């Protein structure tokens, strides 16, 4: 049954640690009283999917390439919540949603401001390069040492990049907790969350 679908496997929000669609619906029905748990649910869900698999991996098995691939997935996922998009799939009215997601992300995430003028190139040569070519393109390099971003060599430190994404998750969760349910941030969140719930249906 859809209400039994697990949205998050590991959390401190329920006795079992699992959070189901039914749990989410219960908290949503609680209005302002339930919003803290919903915001925490999102943080737990994104962390277990995109952060823990990287941070818990033995150092000798870590790869900057795979870390960056996961990081790009996380950016698109997080931005769909921030923008109230059901997905980043292209539409007739928005054919470049994925690219736009990266442009928006780098524009409003203060810890990634140095990527703002390189957003389109990052999307094309890092995100799309990894996804479609199995490698970065256009001279872009992914490493695990040095500064977050070397603009001269177009080198990205995947370890630092991923670590800052962890903070982006926390910041978004905290912002949700502070804002009233009538705020725009919650309306956009609900649009994305409703799409997730719909995907749970057979």
Foldseek 3Di string as FASTA:
>chain_A
DLQQAWQAQADPLDPNRTDGNVNVVVLVVVFLVSQLVVLVSQLRNLCVQQPCVQVVDDPVPHDLLVLLQSLLVSLQVVLQLQQLHQGQPADPVRRRSSLVSQLVSCVPQVVNVVCNVVSNVCCVFRNCCCVPVVHGDDQAAEDQDDDCADPVNNYGNSVVSSVSVSVVSVVLSVVSNPDHCVDPSNVSNVSNVVSVSVVSDD
